[in-house]
Protein backbone atom coordinates (compact mmCIF):
# COMPACT_ATOMS: atom_id res chain seq x y z
CA MET A 1 36.19 152.23 -134.22
CA PRO A 2 36.83 155.89 -133.98
CA ASP A 3 35.25 157.78 -131.46
CA ILE A 4 31.43 158.48 -132.88
CA LYS A 5 29.86 161.46 -131.39
CA CYS A 6 26.24 161.10 -130.93
CA ASN A 7 23.60 163.31 -129.15
CA VAL A 8 20.77 160.98 -129.03
CA THR A 9 20.88 160.35 -125.58
CA GLU A 10 17.75 158.02 -125.46
CA CYS A 11 19.66 155.51 -127.60
CA ASN A 12 20.93 152.13 -125.81
CA TYR A 13 24.32 152.79 -127.61
CA ASN A 14 25.04 156.35 -126.11
CA ASN A 15 27.99 156.37 -123.55
CA ASP A 16 28.70 159.93 -122.62
CA VAL A 17 27.54 161.51 -126.00
CA LYS A 18 29.74 158.87 -127.60
CA CYS A 19 28.45 155.69 -129.76
CA ASN A 20 29.39 152.51 -128.39
CA ALA A 21 27.58 150.41 -130.83
CA PRO A 22 29.70 147.36 -132.44
CA MET A 23 28.91 148.70 -135.94
CA ILE A 24 27.17 151.81 -137.33
CA GLN A 25 24.58 151.70 -140.12
CA VAL A 26 23.49 154.83 -141.90
CA ASN A 27 21.13 155.02 -144.68
CA ARG A 28 19.71 157.69 -147.11
CA ASN A 29 16.36 159.14 -145.86
CA HIS A 30 13.80 159.00 -148.49
CA SER A 31 16.28 160.56 -151.10
CA SER A 32 18.08 159.00 -153.99
CA LYS A 33 21.47 161.35 -153.08
CA SER A 34 22.18 162.78 -149.83
CA ALA A 35 23.97 166.46 -149.93
CA THR A 36 23.33 167.23 -146.00
CA SER A 37 23.23 165.15 -143.16
CA ASP A 38 19.50 165.77 -142.52
CA GLU A 39 19.13 163.65 -145.61
CA THR A 40 20.51 160.75 -143.76
CA LYS A 41 19.48 158.53 -140.49
CA CYS A 42 21.14 156.07 -138.06
CA GLU A 43 19.71 152.64 -138.46
CA THR A 44 21.85 151.35 -135.70
CA PHE A 45 19.60 153.50 -132.91
CA ARG A 46 18.14 151.00 -130.49
CA PRO A 47 15.99 152.69 -127.64
CA ALA A 48 17.74 152.81 -124.10
CA GLU A 49 16.87 150.00 -121.65
CA SER A 50 14.87 151.13 -118.84
């Protein structure tokens, strides 16, 4: 998988501002068509383990 930058440091898959999830799922954010990144959301997010 190519390097994917992620600034969500509280995500379990964040490793030095890079996503290390085995796969990534991104969905629309309550819209039928997305025109900007704000209209999407990452479904792969998992809270970081303590």
